[in-house]
């Protein structure tokens, strides 16, 4: 369902909601123990990263960096994965 939302929503709406969608996806990625769910969540994050504007992407990357250098270890892995997805 998230795939359809990310693909079909107009770019302007997706940009407006991208930070909210991203944060919820990262929470799922960091907390879910099911590998299939985490894999699908990662795919949704990758798709979101590919569809947002450069301004929204910058905000997403800033969130990722702040989590990666922060003290909350459970977010380090998710932040690192997001950085990798943006590189590839």
N, C-alpha and C. Protein backbone atom coordinates (compact mmCIF):
# COMPACT_ATOMS: atom_id res chain seq x y z
N UNK A 1 0.82 -1.19 0.00
CA UNK A 1 0.00 0.00 0.00
C UNK A 1 0.87 1.26 0.00
N UNK A 2 1.93 1.26 0.79
CA UNK A 2 2.82 2.42 0.81
C UNK A 2 3.45 2.65 -0.56
N UNK A 3 3.77 1.57 -1.24
CA UNK A 3 4.33 1.69 -2.58
C UNK A 3 3.37 2.46 -3.48
N UNK A 4 2.10 2.12 -3.43
CA UNK A 4 1.10 2.80 -4.26
C UNK A 4 0.97 4.27 -3.87
N UNK A 5 0.99 4.56 -2.58
CA UNK A 5 0.89 5.95 -2.13
C UNK A 5 2.08 6.75 -2.63
N UNK A 6 3.27 6.21 -2.46
CA UNK A 6 4.47 6.92 -2.88
C UNK A 6 4.49 7.12 -4.39
N UNK A 7 4.04 6.13 -5.14
CA UNK A 7 4.07 6.22 -6.59
C UNK A 7 2.96 7.11 -7.17
N UNK A 8 1.79 7.12 -6.55
CA UNK A 8 0.64 7.76 -7.17
C UNK A 8 0.33 9.16 -6.65
N UNK A 9 0.82 9.49 -5.46
CA UNK A 9 0.54 10.83 -4.95
C UNK A 9 1.30 11.85 -5.78
N UNK A 10 0.71 13.01 -5.98
CA UNK A 10 1.42 14.08 -6.70
C UNK A 10 2.71 14.45 -5.96
N UNK A 11 3.71 14.86 -6.71
CA UNK A 11 5.01 15.18 -6.13
C UNK A 11 4.91 16.24 -5.04
N UNK A 12 4.06 17.21 -5.23
CA UNK A 12 3.94 18.29 -4.23
C UNK A 12 3.42 17.76 -2.89
N UNK A 13 2.45 16.89 -2.94
CA UNK A 13 1.91 16.31 -1.70
C UNK A 13 2.92 15.37 -1.07
N UNK A 14 3.57 14.59 -1.88
CA UNK A 14 4.59 13.67 -1.37
C UNK A 14 5.71 14.45 -0.68
N UNK A 15 6.12 15.56 -1.27
CA UNK A 15 7.15 16.40 -0.65
C UNK A 15 6.67 16.94 0.70
N UNK A 16 5.43 17.39 0.75
CA UNK A 16 4.88 17.94 2.00
C UNK A 16 4.86 16.90 3.11
N UNK A 17 4.58 15.66 2.75
CA UNK A 17 4.43 14.59 3.74
C UNK A 17 5.65 13.70 3.87
N UNK A 18 6.69 13.97 3.11
CA UNK A 18 7.83 13.05 3.06
C UNK A 18 8.52 12.85 4.40
N UNK A 19 8.67 13.89 5.18
CA UNK A 19 9.33 13.74 6.47
C UNK A 19 8.52 12.87 7.41
N UNK A 20 7.22 13.06 7.43
CA UNK A 20 6.35 12.25 8.28
C UNK A 20 6.39 10.79 7.86
N UNK A 21 6.27 10.55 6.57
CA UNK A 21 6.32 9.18 6.05
C UNK A 21 7.67 8.56 6.38
N UNK A 22 8.73 9.32 6.15
CA UNK A 22 10.08 8.82 6.40
C UNK A 22 10.27 8.43 7.86
N UNK A 23 9.87 9.29 8.77
CA UNK A 23 10.06 9.00 10.21
C UNK A 23 9.30 7.74 10.59
N UNK A 24 8.09 7.58 10.13
CA UNK A 24 7.31 6.38 10.45
C UNK A 24 7.96 5.12 9.87
N UNK A 25 8.48 5.23 8.67
CA UNK A 25 9.16 4.09 8.06
C UNK A 25 10.42 3.71 8.83
N UNK A 26 11.18 4.69 9.26
CA UNK A 26 12.41 4.41 10.01
C UNK A 26 12.08 3.78 11.36
N UNK A 27 11.03 4.24 12.01
CA UNK A 27 10.60 3.63 13.28
C UNK A 27 10.27 2.16 13.04
N UNK A 28 9.57 1.88 11.98
CA UNK A 28 9.25 0.49 11.64
C UNK A 28 10.53 -0.30 11.36
N UNK A 29 11.43 0.28 10.60
CA UNK A 29 12.68 -0.38 10.26
C UNK A 29 13.50 -0.68 11.51
N UNK A 30 13.51 0.25 12.45
CA UNK A 30 14.32 0.08 13.66
C UNK A 30 13.70 -0.88 14.67
N UNK A 31 12.37 -1.01 14.66
CA UNK A 31 11.71 -1.76 15.73
C UNK A 31 11.10 -3.09 15.34
N UNK A 32 10.87 -3.32 14.07
CA UNK A 32 10.22 -4.57 13.66
C UNK A 32 11.25 -5.69 13.59
N UNK A 33 10.87 -6.86 14.08
CA UNK A 33 11.80 -7.99 14.10
C UNK A 33 11.62 -8.92 12.91
N UNK A 34 10.59 -8.71 12.12
CA UNK A 34 10.31 -9.55 10.96
C UNK A 34 11.16 -9.07 9.77
N UNK A 35 12.01 -9.94 9.27
CA UNK A 35 12.89 -9.57 8.16
C UNK A 35 12.13 -9.15 6.92
N UNK A 36 11.00 -9.79 6.65
CA UNK A 36 10.22 -9.45 5.47
C UNK A 36 9.65 -8.03 5.60
N UNK A 37 9.16 -7.70 6.79
CA UNK A 37 8.62 -6.35 7.01
C UNK A 37 9.73 -5.32 6.88
N UNK A 38 10.89 -5.60 7.45
CA UNK A 38 12.01 -4.65 7.35
C UNK A 38 12.47 -4.49 5.91
N UNK A 39 12.47 -5.57 5.16
CA UNK A 39 12.85 -5.51 3.76
C UNK A 39 11.87 -4.65 2.97
N UNK A 40 10.59 -4.84 3.19
CA UNK A 40 9.58 -4.06 2.50
C UNK A 40 9.64 -2.58 2.93
N UNK A 41 9.93 -2.36 4.20
CA UNK A 41 10.07 -0.99 4.70
C UNK A 41 11.26 -0.31 4.03
N UNK A 42 12.37 -1.03 3.93
CA UNK A 42 13.55 -0.50 3.26
C UNK A 42 13.27 -0.16 1.81
N UNK A 43 12.52 -1.01 1.14
CA UNK A 43 12.16 -0.75 -0.25
C UNK A 43 11.29 0.51 -0.36
N UNK A 44 10.41 0.71 0.61
CA UNK A 44 9.56 1.91 0.61
C UNK A 44 10.39 3.16 0.86
N UNK A 45 11.37 3.07 1.75
CA UNK A 45 12.25 4.21 2.00
C UNK A 45 13.04 4.54 0.73
N UNK A 46 13.55 3.53 0.09
CA UNK A 46 14.32 3.74 -1.15
C UNK A 46 13.44 4.40 -2.21
N UNK A 47 12.22 3.95 -2.35
CA UNK A 47 11.30 4.53 -3.32
C UNK A 47 10.99 5.98 -2.96
N UNK A 48 10.75 6.24 -1.68
CA UNK A 48 10.47 7.60 -1.23
C UNK A 48 11.65 8.52 -1.54
N UNK A 49 12.85 8.06 -1.25
CA UNK A 49 14.06 8.85 -1.52
C UNK A 49 14.17 9.19 -3.01
N UNK A 50 13.78 8.25 -3.84
CA UNK A 50 13.86 8.47 -5.28
C UNK A 50 12.79 9.39 -5.84
N UNK A 51 11.72 9.61 -5.10
CA UNK A 51 10.61 10.41 -5.63
C UNK A 51 10.54 11.83 -5.09
N UNK A 52 11.22 12.12 -3.99
CA UNK A 52 11.07 13.45 -3.38
C UNK A 52 12.00 14.46 -4.05
N UNK A 53 11.72 15.72 -3.82
CA UNK A 53 12.55 16.79 -4.37
C UNK A 53 13.90 16.82 -3.63
N UNK A 54 14.83 17.55 -4.19
CA UNK A 54 16.16 17.65 -3.56
C UNK A 54 16.06 18.32 -2.20
N UNK A 55 15.14 19.24 -2.03
CA UNK A 55 14.94 19.91 -0.73
C UNK A 55 14.47 18.91 0.32
N UNK A 56 13.51 18.08 -0.03
CA UNK A 56 13.01 17.07 0.89
C UNK A 56 14.06 16.00 1.15
N UNK A 57 14.80 15.65 0.12
CA UNK A 57 15.87 14.66 0.30
C UNK A 57 16.92 15.18 1.27
N UNK A 58 17.24 16.45 1.16
CA UNK A 58 18.21 17.05 2.09
C UNK A 58 17.72 16.93 3.53
N UNK A 59 16.44 17.19 3.78
CA UNK A 59 15.88 17.05 5.13
C UNK A 59 15.97 15.61 5.63
N UNK A 60 15.66 14.67 4.75
CA UNK A 60 15.74 13.26 5.10
C UNK A 60 17.17 12.88 5.47
N UNK A 61 18.12 13.34 4.68
CA UNK A 61 19.52 13.04 4.97
C UNK A 61 19.99 13.69 6.26
N UNK A 62 19.50 14.89 6.53
CA UNK A 62 19.86 15.56 7.79
C UNK A 62 19.32 14.78 8.99
N UNK A 63 18.08 14.26 8.87
CA UNK A 63 17.55 13.40 9.94
C UNK A 63 18.46 12.19 10.13
N UNK A 64 18.82 11.56 9.04
CA UNK A 64 19.64 10.35 9.10
C UNK A 64 20.98 10.61 9.76
N UNK A 65 21.62 11.70 9.39
CA UNK A 65 22.91 12.03 9.98
C UNK A 65 22.76 12.31 11.47
N UNK A 66 21.72 13.03 11.85
CA UNK A 66 21.54 13.34 13.28
C UNK A 66 21.29 12.07 14.08
N UNK A 67 20.59 11.10 13.51
CA UNK A 67 20.38 9.84 14.22
C UNK A 67 21.66 9.03 14.30
N UNK A 68 22.42 9.06 13.23
CA UNK A 68 23.65 8.27 13.17
C UNK A 68 24.69 8.77 14.18
N UNK A 69 24.78 10.06 14.37
CA UNK A 69 25.75 10.60 15.31
C UNK A 69 25.17 10.77 16.71
N UNK A 70 23.89 10.47 16.88
CA UNK A 70 23.25 10.60 18.17
C UNK A 70 23.53 9.42 19.09
N UNK A 71 22.93 9.47 20.26
CA UNK A 71 23.17 8.46 21.28
C UNK A 71 22.22 7.27 21.21
N UNK A 72 21.18 7.36 20.43
CA UNK A 72 20.19 6.28 20.35
C UNK A 72 20.68 5.20 19.40
N UNK A 73 21.29 4.18 19.96
CA UNK A 73 21.93 3.15 19.16
C UNK A 73 20.95 2.40 18.27
N UNK A 74 19.69 2.26 18.67
CA UNK A 74 18.74 1.51 17.85
C UNK A 74 18.44 2.23 16.53
N UNK A 75 18.80 3.51 16.41
CA UNK A 75 18.60 4.23 15.15
C UNK A 75 19.84 4.24 14.27
N UNK A 76 20.98 3.83 14.80
CA UNK A 76 22.22 3.85 14.02
C UNK A 76 22.11 3.00 12.77
N UNK A 77 21.61 1.81 12.91
CA UNK A 77 21.52 0.89 11.78
C UNK A 77 20.58 1.45 10.70
N UNK A 78 19.42 1.94 11.13
CA UNK A 78 18.46 2.49 10.17
C UNK A 78 19.06 3.71 9.46
N UNK A 79 19.75 4.56 10.21
CA UNK A 79 20.36 5.75 9.61
C UNK A 79 21.43 5.36 8.59
N UNK A 80 22.22 4.36 8.93
CA UNK A 80 23.26 3.90 8.01
C UNK A 80 22.65 3.31 6.74
N UNK A 81 21.56 2.57 6.88
CA UNK A 81 20.90 1.99 5.72
C UNK A 81 20.35 3.08 4.80
N UNK A 82 19.77 4.12 5.40
CA UNK A 82 19.24 5.22 4.60
C UNK A 82 20.37 5.88 3.82
N UNK A 83 21.50 6.10 4.46
CA UNK A 83 22.64 6.71 3.77
C UNK A 83 23.08 5.83 2.59
N UNK A 84 23.12 4.51 2.80
CA UNK A 84 23.51 3.61 1.72
C UNK A 84 22.52 3.66 0.57
N UNK A 85 21.22 3.70 0.86
CA UNK A 85 20.22 3.75 -0.19
C UNK A 85 20.34 5.01 -1.03
N UNK A 86 20.73 6.12 -0.39
CA UNK A 86 20.85 7.35 -1.17
C UNK A 86 22.09 7.32 -2.06
N UNK A 87 23.08 6.54 -1.67
CA UNK A 87 24.29 6.44 -2.48
C UNK A 87 24.09 5.54 -3.69
N UNK A 88 23.24 4.55 -3.56
CA UNK A 88 23.03 3.58 -4.64
C UNK A 88 21.68 3.80 -5.21
